[in-house]
Amino acid sequence: MDRPLIRLSVVDSTQAFVRRNPQLGFCVVMADRQSEGRGRQGNRWESAAGAGLWMSAALPSPEGVPPGLVLQRAMATAARVLDPEGRTLGLKWPNDLVAWKAGRLVKLGGIIGEQLGDRLILGLGVNLIEAPTIPDRAIPPASLKELGLPPPCPVDLALSIADAWQDLGRDIRPVFRWPEPGLAMRWEDGAGTCLGWEPDGRLKVTTAGGIQRLSAGDVVGLA
């Protein structure tokens, strides 16, 4: 299904723009720069003009996909578009785009989602040319260019990703998923060992209090 592409030079956030313009229906919106981009749990997402891809797409709600899997599948799908040969980009639970650089995990992008009526609004930010400098991050930001992946044209990229998002029923597996089973991990309110990713998108961990299954809203600062 063809969807109109709206390109903005600057906007507070593409997600907010789509949300406050329901008359646009199913569409794709991208911006050269966001002044108030946001990530998961309301975190601010820094974006310099021309440095990355900042987009939102309003799509029909996928059928038969557990809510906890929607963003994971959307990010894994975007990773396949960005890295067609499937050699570099992985998924950090619950839905961050990551890679390994000089033996260290780095973050290239993030995704958020909202269900409004019959529309699923997905918002994606990816560092293409350069990444912001954010000190004291356990997982520092990086860009596709730093990893040797040639950044594609942002317009073509936005359309390709939105087109791929039309079928979130497909279970596209990323190159790697972090954390992997057996890895010790900590977060704002706890610590434990990863036992694996559950089929419904939750993370299974063992802690001092026993086995837990974590949902995306339960965890802040996973490292």
N, C-alpha and C. Protein backbone atom coordinates (compact mmCIF):
# COMPACT_ATOMS: atom_id res chain seq x y z
N MET A 1 0.84 -1.19 0.00
CA MET A 1 0.00 0.00 0.00
C MET A 1 0.88 1.25 0.00
N ASP A 2 0.70 2.14 -0.96
CA ASP A 2 1.46 3.38 -1.02
C ASP A 2 0.98 4.33 0.07
N ARG A 3 1.94 4.97 0.74
CA ARG A 3 1.61 5.94 1.77
C ARG A 3 2.31 7.24 1.46
N PRO A 4 1.65 8.38 1.66
CA PRO A 4 2.32 9.65 1.38
C PRO A 4 3.49 9.88 2.31
N LEU A 5 4.58 10.45 1.77
CA LEU A 5 5.74 10.81 2.57
C LEU A 5 5.75 12.32 2.77
N ILE A 6 5.82 12.73 4.02
CA ILE A 6 5.91 14.15 4.36
C ILE A 6 7.30 14.38 4.94
N ARG A 7 8.06 15.29 4.31
CA ARG A 7 9.41 15.60 4.80
C ARG A 7 9.42 17.01 5.36
N LEU A 8 9.88 17.13 6.60
CA LEU A 8 9.93 18.42 7.29
C LEU A 8 11.38 18.80 7.55
N SER A 9 11.69 20.08 7.44
CA SER A 9 13.06 20.51 7.73
C SER A 9 13.34 20.43 9.23
N VAL A 10 12.40 20.85 10.05
CA VAL A 10 12.54 20.74 11.50
C VAL A 10 11.16 20.59 12.11
N VAL A 11 11.07 19.80 13.18
CA VAL A 11 9.81 19.58 13.88
C VAL A 11 10.15 19.24 15.32
N ASP A 12 9.18 19.44 16.23
CA ASP A 12 9.46 19.05 17.61
C ASP A 12 9.79 17.57 17.65
N SER A 13 8.90 16.73 17.13
CA SER A 13 9.20 15.31 16.92
C SER A 13 8.23 14.78 15.87
N THR A 14 8.69 13.86 15.06
CA THR A 14 7.82 13.29 14.04
C THR A 14 6.67 12.54 14.68
N GLN A 15 6.91 11.93 15.83
CA GLN A 15 5.87 11.18 16.52
C GLN A 15 4.75 12.12 16.96
N ALA A 16 5.13 13.26 17.53
CA ALA A 16 4.13 14.23 17.97
C ALA A 16 3.38 14.81 16.78
N PHE A 17 4.08 15.04 15.67
CA PHE A 17 3.44 15.58 14.47
C PHE A 17 2.37 14.64 13.95
N VAL A 18 2.67 13.36 13.88
CA VAL A 18 1.69 12.40 13.39
C VAL A 18 0.52 12.28 14.35
N ARG A 19 0.82 12.31 15.64
CA ARG A 19 -0.23 12.16 16.65
C ARG A 19 -1.23 13.30 16.61
N ARG A 20 -0.75 14.52 16.38
CA ARG A 20 -1.67 15.67 16.41
C ARG A 20 -2.30 15.96 15.05
N ASN A 21 -1.99 15.13 14.05
CA ASN A 21 -2.59 15.31 12.73
C ASN A 21 -3.26 14.01 12.27
N PRO A 22 -4.30 13.57 12.97
CA PRO A 22 -4.94 12.30 12.62
C PRO A 22 -5.55 12.31 11.22
N GLN A 23 -5.81 13.48 10.67
CA GLN A 23 -6.39 13.55 9.33
C GLN A 23 -5.44 13.01 8.26
N LEU A 24 -4.17 12.85 8.60
CA LEU A 24 -3.21 12.33 7.63
C LEU A 24 -3.41 10.84 7.38
N GLY A 25 -4.11 10.17 8.28
CA GLY A 25 -4.36 8.74 8.10
C GLY A 25 -3.07 7.94 8.14
N PHE A 26 -2.96 6.97 7.23
CA PHE A 26 -1.75 6.16 7.17
C PHE A 26 -0.72 6.92 6.33
N CYS A 27 0.43 7.23 6.94
CA CYS A 27 1.40 8.08 6.26
C CYS A 27 2.79 7.83 6.84
N VAL A 28 3.79 8.46 6.21
CA VAL A 28 5.17 8.42 6.68
C VAL A 28 5.65 9.86 6.82
N VAL A 29 6.23 10.20 7.96
CA VAL A 29 6.74 11.55 8.21
C VAL A 29 8.20 11.44 8.61
N MET A 30 9.05 12.25 7.99
CA MET A 30 10.45 12.31 8.39
C MET A 30 10.87 13.76 8.54
N ALA A 31 11.93 13.98 9.30
CA ALA A 31 12.41 15.33 9.53
C ALA A 31 13.92 15.36 9.43
N ASP A 32 14.45 16.48 8.92
CA ASP A 32 15.91 16.65 8.89
C ASP A 32 16.45 16.87 10.29
N ARG A 33 15.62 17.47 11.15
CA ARG A 33 16.05 17.67 12.54
C ARG A 33 14.83 17.70 13.44
N GLN A 34 14.99 17.14 14.65
CA GLN A 34 13.95 17.21 15.67
C GLN A 34 14.45 18.07 16.82
N SER A 35 13.60 18.95 17.31
CA SER A 35 14.00 19.80 18.43
C SER A 35 13.63 19.20 19.77
N GLU A 36 12.67 18.26 19.77
CA GLU A 36 12.24 17.65 21.03
C GLU A 36 11.99 16.15 20.82
N GLY A 37 12.92 15.50 20.14
CA GLY A 37 12.78 14.06 19.94
C GLY A 37 12.77 13.33 21.26
N ARG A 38 12.03 12.24 21.31
CA ARG A 38 11.98 11.48 22.56
C ARG A 38 12.11 9.99 22.28
N GLY A 39 12.63 9.31 23.30
CA GLY A 39 12.81 7.87 23.19
C GLY A 39 11.93 7.15 24.19
N ARG A 40 12.31 5.91 24.48
CA ARG A 40 11.52 5.11 25.41
C ARG A 40 11.58 5.72 26.81
N GLN A 41 10.46 5.61 27.55
CA GLN A 41 10.32 6.11 28.91
C GLN A 41 10.50 7.62 28.97
N GLY A 42 10.23 8.32 27.83
CA GLY A 42 10.28 9.77 27.82
C GLY A 42 11.67 10.36 27.74
N ASN A 43 12.70 9.53 27.52
CA ASN A 43 14.06 10.05 27.42
C ASN A 43 14.20 10.93 26.17
N ARG A 44 15.03 11.95 26.28
CA ARG A 44 15.26 12.85 25.15
C ARG A 44 16.17 12.17 24.13
N TRP A 45 15.84 12.35 22.83
CA TRP A 45 16.67 11.79 21.77
C TRP A 45 17.30 12.96 21.01
N GLU A 46 18.64 13.07 21.12
CA GLU A 46 19.35 14.18 20.49
C GLU A 46 19.45 13.95 18.98
N SER A 47 19.31 15.01 18.20
CA SER A 47 19.42 14.87 16.74
C SER A 47 19.93 16.15 16.11
N ALA A 48 21.04 16.03 15.39
CA ALA A 48 21.59 17.15 14.64
C ALA A 48 21.09 17.08 13.21
N ALA A 49 20.97 18.25 12.57
CA ALA A 49 20.44 18.30 11.21
C ALA A 49 21.29 17.46 10.27
N GLY A 50 20.63 16.56 9.54
CA GLY A 50 21.31 15.75 8.55
C GLY A 50 22.13 14.60 9.09
N ALA A 51 22.15 14.40 10.41
CA ALA A 51 23.02 13.39 11.00
C ALA A 51 22.38 12.01 11.05
N GLY A 52 21.06 11.95 10.92
CA GLY A 52 20.43 10.65 11.07
C GLY A 52 19.08 10.58 10.40
N LEU A 53 18.39 9.50 10.68
CA LEU A 53 17.03 9.29 10.20
C LEU A 53 16.08 9.46 11.37
N TRP A 54 15.14 10.39 11.23
CA TRP A 54 14.13 10.61 12.26
C TRP A 54 12.78 10.49 11.56
N MET A 55 12.04 9.46 11.87
CA MET A 55 10.81 9.20 11.12
C MET A 55 9.75 8.59 12.00
N SER A 56 8.50 8.76 11.58
CA SER A 56 7.36 8.07 12.17
C SER A 56 6.46 7.61 11.05
N ALA A 57 5.82 6.48 11.26
CA ALA A 57 4.89 5.95 10.26
C ALA A 57 3.60 5.54 10.96
N ALA A 58 2.49 5.97 10.40
CA ALA A 58 1.18 5.54 10.89
C ALA A 58 0.71 4.40 10.01
N LEU A 59 0.49 3.24 10.62
CA LEU A 59 0.20 2.01 9.89
C LEU A 59 -1.04 1.35 10.46
N PRO A 60 -1.68 0.47 9.68
CA PRO A 60 -2.76 -0.33 10.27
C PRO A 60 -2.18 -1.24 11.36
N SER A 61 -2.93 -1.45 12.40
CA SER A 61 -2.46 -2.30 13.49
C SER A 61 -2.23 -3.72 13.00
N PRO A 62 -1.07 -4.32 13.33
CA PRO A 62 -0.82 -5.70 12.89
C PRO A 62 -1.72 -6.68 13.65
N GLU A 63 -2.17 -7.70 12.97
CA GLU A 63 -3.03 -8.70 13.59
C GLU A 63 -2.21 -9.90 14.05
N GLY A 64 -2.55 -10.39 15.23
CA GLY A 64 -1.93 -11.61 15.72
C GLY A 64 -0.53 -11.45 16.26
N VAL A 65 -0.07 -10.22 16.48
CA VAL A 65 1.27 -10.00 17.02
C VAL A 65 1.14 -9.54 18.47
N PRO A 66 1.70 -10.28 19.44
CA PRO A 66 1.61 -9.86 20.84
C PRO A 66 2.16 -8.44 21.02
N PRO A 67 1.52 -7.61 21.84
CA PRO A 67 1.98 -6.23 22.01
C PRO A 67 3.45 -6.11 22.37
N GLY A 68 3.95 -7.05 23.17
CA GLY A 68 5.35 -7.00 23.57
C GLY A 68 6.32 -7.30 22.46
N LEU A 69 5.83 -7.80 21.33
CA LEU A 69 6.70 -8.14 20.21
C LEU A 69 6.68 -7.09 19.10
N VAL A 70 5.70 -6.21 19.11
CA VAL A 70 5.53 -5.28 17.99
C VAL A 70 6.79 -4.45 17.76
N LEU A 71 7.30 -3.80 18.82
CA LEU A 71 8.46 -2.94 18.65
C LEU A 71 9.72 -3.74 18.35
N GLN A 72 9.84 -4.93 18.94
CA GLN A 72 11.01 -5.76 18.66
C GLN A 72 11.03 -6.17 17.19
N ARG A 73 9.90 -6.56 16.67
CA ARG A 73 9.85 -6.95 15.26
C ARG A 73 10.05 -5.75 14.35
N ALA A 74 9.50 -4.60 14.74
CA ALA A 74 9.69 -3.40 13.93
C ALA A 74 11.16 -3.00 13.88
N MET A 75 11.87 -3.10 15.00
CA MET A 75 13.28 -2.75 15.00
C MET A 75 14.12 -3.78 14.27
N ALA A 76 13.80 -5.06 14.44
CA ALA A 76 14.53 -6.09 13.71
C ALA A 76 14.33 -5.93 12.21
N THR A 77 13.13 -5.54 11.80
CA THR A 77 12.85 -5.30 10.39
C THR A 77 13.65 -4.12 9.88
N ALA A 78 13.69 -3.03 10.65
CA ALA A 78 14.49 -1.86 10.26
C ALA A 78 15.97 -2.22 10.17
N ALA A 79 16.45 -3.05 11.09
CA ALA A 79 17.86 -3.46 11.06
C ALA A 79 18.19 -4.20 9.77
N ARG A 80 17.25 -5.02 9.30
CA ARG A 80 17.49 -5.76 8.06
C ARG A 80 17.54 -4.82 6.85
N VAL A 81 16.76 -3.75 6.87
CA VAL A 81 16.81 -2.77 5.79
C VAL A 81 18.14 -2.01 5.83
N LEU A 82 18.59 -1.65 7.03
CA LEU A 82 19.83 -0.90 7.19
C LEU A 82 21.07 -1.75 6.92
N ASP A 83 20.96 -3.03 7.20
CA ASP A 83 22.09 -3.96 7.09
C ASP A 83 21.61 -5.20 6.33
N PRO A 84 21.40 -5.08 5.02
CA PRO A 84 20.76 -6.15 4.24
C PRO A 84 21.47 -7.49 4.32
N GLU A 85 22.80 -7.48 4.47
CA GLU A 85 23.54 -8.74 4.54
C GLU A 85 23.52 -9.35 5.93
N GLY A 86 22.95 -8.64 6.88
CA GLY A 86 22.79 -9.19 8.23
C GLY A 86 24.09 -9.54 8.92
N ARG A 87 25.04 -8.61 8.91
CA ARG A 87 26.35 -8.90 9.50
C ARG A 87 26.67 -8.10 10.76
N THR A 88 25.97 -6.99 10.97
CA THR A 88 26.45 -6.03 11.97
C THR A 88 25.44 -5.67 13.05
N LEU A 89 24.21 -5.39 12.68
CA LEU A 89 23.26 -4.78 13.61
C LEU A 89 22.46 -5.81 14.40
N GLY A 90 22.37 -5.57 15.68
CA GLY A 90 21.61 -6.46 16.56
C GLY A 90 20.57 -5.70 17.35
N LEU A 91 19.91 -6.41 18.25
CA LEU A 91 18.81 -5.86 19.05
C LEU A 91 19.14 -5.98 20.52
N LYS A 92 19.10 -4.84 21.23
CA LYS A 92 19.23 -4.84 22.69
C LYS A 92 17.82 -4.81 23.26
N TRP A 93 17.57 -5.70 24.21
CA TRP A 93 16.24 -5.76 24.81
C TRP A 93 15.93 -4.44 25.51
N PRO A 94 14.71 -3.89 25.34
CA PRO A 94 13.63 -4.53 24.60
C PRO A 94 13.59 -4.22 23.11
N ASN A 95 14.15 -3.05 22.67
CA ASN A 95 13.97 -2.71 21.25
C ASN A 95 14.96 -1.65 20.76
N ASP A 96 16.20 -1.66 21.25
CA ASP A 96 17.22 -0.72 20.79
C ASP A 96 18.04 -1.35 19.67
N LEU A 97 18.53 -0.51 18.76
CA LEU A 97 19.40 -0.96 17.68
C LEU A 97 20.84 -0.81 18.14
N VAL A 98 21.60 -1.91 18.14
CA VAL A 98 22.95 -1.89 18.69
C VAL A 98 23.92 -2.63 17.76
N ALA A 99 25.21 -2.50 18.07
CA ALA A 99 26.26 -3.21 17.33
C ALA A 99 27.47 -3.31 18.25
N TRP A 100 28.43 -4.13 17.83
CA TRP A 100 29.69 -4.21 18.56
C TRP A 100 30.74 -3.36 17.85
N LYS A 101 31.43 -2.53 18.62
CA LYS A 101 32.50 -1.69 18.08
C LYS A 101 33.71 -1.78 19.01
N ALA A 102 34.80 -2.32 18.49
CA ALA A 102 36.02 -2.49 19.29
C ALA A 102 35.74 -3.24 20.59
N GLY A 103 34.90 -4.27 20.48
CA GLY A 103 34.60 -5.11 21.64
C GLY A 103 33.62 -4.52 22.62
N ARG A 104 32.99 -3.39 22.27
CA ARG A 104 32.05 -2.73 23.18
C ARG A 104 30.71 -2.56 22.49
N LEU A 105 29.64 -2.75 23.24
CA LEU A 105 28.31 -2.57 22.69
C LEU A 105 28.02 -1.08 22.53
N VAL A 106 27.52 -0.68 21.37
CA VAL A 106 27.15 0.72 21.11
C VAL A 106 25.72 0.77 20.58
N LYS A 107 25.09 1.91 20.79
CA LYS A 107 23.69 2.08 20.39
C LYS A 107 23.59 3.00 19.18
N LEU A 108 22.85 2.55 18.17
CA LEU A 108 22.67 3.35 16.96
C LEU A 108 21.27 3.94 16.83
N GLY A 109 20.29 3.36 17.51
CA GLY A 109 18.95 3.87 17.34
C GLY A 109 17.98 3.30 18.35
N GLY A 110 16.78 3.85 18.31
CA GLY A 110 15.71 3.41 19.19
C GLY A 110 14.37 3.57 18.51
N ILE A 111 13.36 2.95 19.09
CA ILE A 111 12.02 2.97 18.50
C ILE A 111 10.99 3.09 19.61
N ILE A 112 9.92 3.80 19.32
CA ILE A 112 8.78 3.88 20.22
C ILE A 112 7.52 3.60 19.42
N GLY A 113 6.44 3.30 20.10
CA GLY A 113 5.19 3.01 19.41
C GLY A 113 3.99 3.41 20.23
N GLU A 114 2.92 3.77 19.55
CA GLU A 114 1.67 4.15 20.20
C GLU A 114 0.52 3.60 19.38
N GLN A 115 -0.50 3.12 20.07
CA GLN A 115 -1.72 2.67 19.42
C GLN A 115 -2.78 3.74 19.58
N LEU A 116 -3.23 4.33 18.47
CA LEU A 116 -4.26 5.35 18.49
C LEU A 116 -5.38 4.93 17.55
N GLY A 117 -6.49 4.45 18.12
CA GLY A 117 -7.58 3.97 17.28
C GLY A 117 -7.13 2.79 16.45
N ASP A 118 -7.32 2.90 15.13
CA ASP A 118 -6.90 1.81 14.25
C ASP A 118 -5.51 2.03 13.70
N ARG A 119 -4.78 3.02 14.23
CA ARG A 119 -3.45 3.33 13.73
C ARG A 119 -2.38 2.93 14.75
N LEU A 120 -1.36 2.24 14.26
CA LEU A 120 -0.15 2.01 15.04
C LEU A 120 0.87 3.03 14.56
N ILE A 121 1.36 3.88 15.47
CA ILE A 121 2.34 4.90 15.10
C ILE A 121 3.70 4.48 15.63
N LEU A 122 4.61 4.20 14.71
CA LEU A 122 5.96 3.79 15.06
C LEU A 122 6.91 4.96 14.81
N GLY A 123 7.74 5.27 15.80
CA GLY A 123 8.72 6.33 15.66
C GLY A 123 10.12 5.77 15.77
N LEU A 124 10.96 6.05 14.79
CA LEU A 124 12.30 5.48 14.73
C LEU A 124 13.35 6.57 14.60
N GLY A 125 14.42 6.46 15.38
CA GLY A 125 15.57 7.35 15.25
C GLY A 125 16.83 6.52 15.08
N VAL A 126 17.63 6.83 14.07
CA VAL A 126 18.88 6.10 13.81
C VAL A 126 19.98 7.10 13.49
N ASN A 127 21.13 6.95 14.12
CA ASN A 127 22.29 7.78 13.82
C ASN A 127 22.94 7.25 12.54
N LEU A 128 22.89 8.04 11.47
CA LEU A 128 23.45 7.61 10.18
C LEU A 128 24.88 8.12 9.98
N ILE A 129 25.06 9.43 10.02
CA ILE A 129 26.35 10.04 9.72
C ILE A 129 27.20 10.26 10.96
N GLU A 130 26.57 10.71 12.03
CA GLU A 130 27.29 10.94 13.28
C GLU A 130 26.36 10.73 14.45
N ALA A 131 26.96 10.50 15.61
CA ALA A 131 26.18 10.26 16.83
C ALA A 131 26.44 11.39 17.82
N PRO A 132 25.47 11.72 18.65
CA PRO A 132 25.69 12.76 19.66
C PRO A 132 26.69 12.31 20.71
N THR A 133 27.35 13.26 21.34
CA THR A 133 28.24 12.95 22.45
C THR A 133 27.45 12.99 23.74
N ILE A 134 27.29 11.83 24.34
CA ILE A 134 26.52 11.73 25.60
C ILE A 134 27.40 11.01 26.61
N PRO A 135 28.02 11.75 27.53
CA PRO A 135 28.95 11.12 28.49
C PRO A 135 28.24 10.23 29.49
N ASP A 136 29.03 9.34 30.06
CA ASP A 136 28.58 8.49 31.17
C ASP A 136 27.46 7.54 30.78
N ARG A 137 27.41 7.13 29.53
CA ARG A 137 26.43 6.13 29.11
C ARG A 137 27.09 4.75 29.13
N ALA A 138 26.44 3.79 29.78
CA ALA A 138 26.98 2.43 29.81
C ALA A 138 27.10 1.87 28.40
N ILE A 139 26.13 2.24 27.54
CA ILE A 139 26.16 1.84 26.14
C ILE A 139 26.18 3.13 25.33
N PRO A 140 27.35 3.56 24.86
CA PRO A 140 27.47 4.87 24.20
C PRO A 140 26.86 4.85 22.81
N PRO A 141 26.49 6.03 22.30
CA PRO A 141 25.94 6.12 20.95
C PRO A 141 27.01 5.97 19.88
N ALA A 142 26.59 5.53 18.69
CA ALA A 142 27.47 5.40 17.54
C ALA A 142 26.62 5.60 16.29
N SER A 143 27.28 5.67 15.14
CA SER A 143 26.56 5.86 13.88
C SER A 143 26.89 4.74 12.90
N LEU A 144 26.03 4.61 11.88
CA LEU A 144 26.29 3.62 10.84
C LEU A 144 27.64 3.88 10.17
N LYS A 145 27.94 5.16 9.92
CA LYS A 145 29.18 5.50 9.24
C LYS A 145 30.40 5.03 10.02
N GLU A 146 30.35 5.17 11.35
CA GLU A 146 31.46 4.72 12.20
C GLU A 146 31.70 3.23 12.06
N LEU A 147 30.64 2.48 11.79
CA LEU A 147 30.74 1.03 11.69
C LEU A 147 31.09 0.56 10.28
N GLY A 148 31.28 1.51 9.37
CA GLY A 148 31.62 1.14 8.01
C GLY A 148 30.44 0.75 7.15
N LEU A 149 29.22 1.04 7.63
CA LEU A 149 28.03 0.78 6.83
C LEU A 149 27.67 2.06 6.08
N PRO A 150 27.66 2.05 4.76
CA PRO A 150 27.37 3.29 4.01
C PRO A 150 25.95 3.78 4.27
N PRO A 151 25.79 4.99 4.80
CA PRO A 151 24.45 5.50 5.08
C PRO A 151 23.66 5.71 3.79
N PRO A 152 22.49 5.11 3.66
CA PRO A 152 21.68 5.30 2.46
C PRO A 152 20.98 6.66 2.47
N CYS A 153 20.37 7.01 1.36
CA CYS A 153 19.58 8.23 1.27
C CYS A 153 18.44 8.17 2.29
N PRO A 154 18.31 9.17 3.17
CA PRO A 154 17.28 9.10 4.22
C PRO A 154 15.86 8.94 3.67
N VAL A 155 15.54 9.59 2.54
CA VAL A 155 14.19 9.47 1.99
C VAL A 155 13.94 8.03 1.53
N ASP A 156 14.87 7.48 0.78
CA ASP A 156 14.72 6.09 0.32
C ASP A 156 14.65 5.15 1.52
N LEU A 157 15.45 5.44 2.53
CA LEU A 157 15.48 4.59 3.71
C LEU A 157 14.14 4.62 4.44
N ALA A 158 13.59 5.82 4.63
CA ALA A 158 12.30 5.93 5.32
C ALA A 158 11.21 5.17 4.59
N LEU A 159 11.18 5.29 3.27
CA LEU A 159 10.16 4.58 2.49
C LEU A 159 10.36 3.07 2.55
N SER A 160 11.62 2.63 2.50
CA SER A 160 11.90 1.19 2.54
C SER A 160 11.52 0.59 3.89
N ILE A 161 11.82 1.31 4.96
CA ILE A 161 11.48 0.81 6.29
C ILE A 161 9.96 0.78 6.47
N ALA A 162 9.28 1.87 6.09
CA ALA A 162 7.82 1.90 6.22
C ALA A 162 7.18 0.79 5.40
N ASP A 163 7.72 0.51 4.22
CA ASP A 163 7.20 -0.58 3.40
C ASP A 163 7.41 -1.92 4.09
N ALA A 164 8.59 -2.12 4.67
CA ALA A 164 8.87 -3.38 5.36
C ALA A 164 8.00 -3.56 6.59
N TRP A 165 7.61 -2.45 7.23
CA TRP A 165 6.77 -2.52 8.42
C TRP A 165 5.34 -2.96 8.11
N GLN A 166 4.99 -3.04 6.86
CA GLN A 166 3.62 -3.45 6.53
C GLN A 166 3.36 -4.90 6.95
N ASP A 167 4.42 -5.68 7.13
CA ASP A 167 4.24 -7.09 7.50
C ASP A 167 5.04 -7.39 8.76
N LEU A 168 4.51 -6.98 9.91
CA LEU A 168 5.16 -7.27 11.18
C LEU A 168 4.82 -8.67 11.68
N GLY A 169 4.05 -9.41 10.89
CA GLY A 169 3.77 -10.80 11.24
C GLY A 169 4.98 -11.69 11.01
N ARG A 170 5.93 -11.23 10.19
CA ARG A 170 7.14 -12.01 9.94
C ARG A 170 8.07 -11.92 11.14
N ASP A 171 8.64 -13.05 11.54
CA ASP A 171 9.56 -13.09 12.66
C ASP A 171 10.99 -13.00 12.12
N ILE A 172 11.45 -11.77 11.89
CA ILE A 172 12.81 -11.55 11.38
C ILE A 172 13.78 -11.56 12.56
N ARG A 173 14.75 -12.44 12.51
CA ARG A 173 15.71 -12.54 13.59
C ARG A 173 16.90 -11.62 13.35
N PRO A 174 17.27 -10.82 14.34
CA PRO A 174 18.46 -9.97 14.18
C PRO A 174 19.73 -10.81 14.21
N VAL A 175 20.85 -10.19 13.84
CA VAL A 175 22.12 -10.89 13.84
C VAL A 175 22.45 -11.42 15.23
N PHE A 176 22.19 -10.61 16.25
CA PHE A 176 22.39 -11.04 17.63
C PHE A 176 21.39 -10.31 18.50
N ARG A 177 21.16 -10.88 19.68
CA ARG A 177 20.29 -10.25 20.67
C ARG A 177 21.06 -10.13 21.98
N TRP A 178 20.95 -8.97 22.58
CA TRP A 178 21.63 -8.73 23.85
C TRP A 178 20.62 -8.28 24.88
N PRO A 179 20.63 -8.83 26.09
CA PRO A 179 21.59 -9.81 26.59
C PRO A 179 21.27 -11.21 26.10
N GLU A 180 22.29 -12.05 26.04
CA GLU A 180 22.12 -13.44 25.66
C GLU A 180 22.05 -14.29 26.92
N PRO A 181 21.50 -15.50 26.83
CA PRO A 181 21.40 -16.36 28.01
C PRO A 181 22.75 -16.55 28.70
N GLY A 182 22.72 -16.46 30.02
CA GLY A 182 23.93 -16.64 30.82
C GLY A 182 24.65 -15.35 31.16
N LEU A 183 24.21 -14.22 30.57
CA LEU A 183 24.90 -12.95 30.82
C LEU A 183 24.37 -12.29 32.08
N ALA A 184 25.29 -11.88 32.95
CA ALA A 184 24.92 -11.12 34.14
C ALA A 184 24.50 -9.72 33.71
N MET A 185 23.45 -9.19 34.33
CA MET A 185 22.93 -7.90 33.93
C MET A 185 22.39 -7.17 35.15
N ARG A 186 22.27 -5.87 35.01
CA ARG A 186 21.72 -5.06 36.09
C ARG A 186 20.83 -3.98 35.49
N TRP A 187 19.92 -3.48 36.28
CA TRP A 187 19.05 -2.39 35.87
C TRP A 187 18.73 -1.56 37.09
N GLU A 188 17.96 -0.53 36.92
CA GLU A 188 17.77 0.45 37.98
C GLU A 188 17.29 -0.17 39.29
N ASP A 189 16.40 -1.15 39.19
CA ASP A 189 15.82 -1.72 40.41
C ASP A 189 16.22 -3.16 40.69
N GLY A 190 17.26 -3.66 40.03
CA GLY A 190 17.61 -5.03 40.29
C GLY A 190 18.82 -5.52 39.52
N ALA A 191 19.10 -6.80 39.68
CA ALA A 191 20.21 -7.43 38.98
C ALA A 191 19.91 -8.92 38.87
N GLY A 192 20.52 -9.56 37.89
CA GLY A 192 20.28 -10.98 37.73
C GLY A 192 21.05 -11.52 36.54
N THR A 193 20.62 -12.69 36.08
CA THR A 193 21.25 -13.36 34.94
C THR A 193 20.19 -13.65 33.90
N CYS A 194 20.49 -13.33 32.67
CA CYS A 194 19.54 -13.56 31.58
C CYS A 194 19.36 -15.05 31.34
N LEU A 195 18.11 -15.47 31.20
CA LEU A 195 17.79 -16.85 30.85
C LEU A 195 17.29 -16.97 29.41
N GLY A 196 16.94 -15.83 28.80
CA GLY A 196 16.47 -15.87 27.41
C GLY A 196 15.33 -14.91 27.16
N TRP A 197 15.06 -14.70 25.87
CA TRP A 197 13.95 -13.84 25.42
C TRP A 197 12.72 -14.71 25.24
N GLU A 198 11.60 -14.32 25.85
CA GLU A 198 10.38 -15.09 25.79
C GLU A 198 9.66 -14.86 24.45
N PRO A 199 8.83 -15.82 24.01
CA PRO A 199 8.10 -15.67 22.74
C PRO A 199 7.18 -14.45 22.70
N ASP A 200 6.75 -13.95 23.87
CA ASP A 200 5.86 -12.78 23.89
C ASP A 200 6.62 -11.47 24.04
N GLY A 201 7.96 -11.52 23.97
CA GLY A 201 8.76 -10.31 24.03
C GLY A 201 9.34 -9.98 25.40
N ARG A 202 8.91 -10.68 26.45
CA ARG A 202 9.46 -10.42 27.77
C ARG A 202 10.86 -11.04 27.90
N LEU A 203 11.61 -10.59 28.90
CA LEU A 203 12.94 -11.11 29.16
C LEU A 203 12.89 -11.97 30.42
N LYS A 204 13.34 -13.19 30.31
CA LYS A 204 13.35 -14.11 31.43
C LYS A 204 14.68 -14.04 32.14
N VAL A 205 14.66 -13.75 33.44
CA VAL A 205 15.88 -13.60 34.22
C VAL A 205 15.75 -14.36 35.53
N THR A 206 16.89 -14.71 36.07
CA THR A 206 16.90 -15.27 37.42
C THR A 206 17.58 -14.27 38.33
N THR A 207 16.95 -13.99 39.46
CA THR A 207 17.47 -13.02 40.42
C THR A 207 17.55 -13.68 41.79
N ALA A 208 18.02 -12.91 42.76
CA ALA A 208 18.10 -13.44 44.12
C ALA A 208 16.73 -13.83 44.64
N GLY A 209 15.68 -13.22 44.08
CA GLY A 209 14.33 -13.53 44.51
C GLY A 209 13.65 -14.61 43.68
N GLY A 210 14.35 -15.18 42.71
CA GLY A 210 13.77 -16.22 41.87
C GLY A 210 13.68 -15.79 40.42
N ILE A 211 12.96 -16.56 39.63
CA ILE A 211 12.82 -16.28 38.20
C ILE A 211 11.78 -15.19 37.98
N GLN A 212 12.11 -14.22 37.14
CA GLN A 212 11.18 -13.15 36.78
C GLN A 212 11.10 -13.03 35.27
N ARG A 213 9.98 -12.52 34.81
CA ARG A 213 9.79 -12.21 33.39
C ARG A 213 9.52 -10.73 33.28
N LEU A 214 10.47 -10.01 32.72
CA LEU A 214 10.44 -8.56 32.70
C LEU A 214 9.76 -8.05 31.43
N SER A 215 8.87 -7.08 31.60
CA SER A 215 8.28 -6.38 30.47
C SER A 215 9.02 -5.07 30.24
N ALA A 216 8.86 -4.50 29.06
CA ALA A 216 9.62 -3.30 28.72
C ALA A 216 9.42 -2.18 29.73
N GLY A 217 8.21 -2.02 30.25
CA GLY A 217 7.94 -0.95 31.19
C GLY A 217 8.51 -1.19 32.57
N ASP A 218 9.03 -2.39 32.83
CA ASP A 218 9.55 -2.72 34.16
C ASP A 218 10.99 -2.31 34.36
N VAL A 219 11.71 -2.03 33.26
CA VAL A 219 13.16 -1.90 33.35
C VAL A 219 13.63 -0.56 32.81
N VAL A 220 14.49 0.09 33.57
CA VAL A 220 15.16 1.33 33.15
C VAL A 220 16.67 1.11 33.35
N GLY A 221 17.46 1.51 32.37
CA GLY A 221 18.91 1.47 32.55
C GLY A 221 19.51 0.09 32.50
N LEU A 222 19.03 -0.77 31.63
CA LEU A 222 19.58 -2.11 31.50
C LEU A 222 21.02 -2.04 31.01
N ALA A 223 21.93 -2.69 31.74
CA ALA A 223 23.34 -2.70 31.34
C ALA A 223 24.01 -3.99 31.80
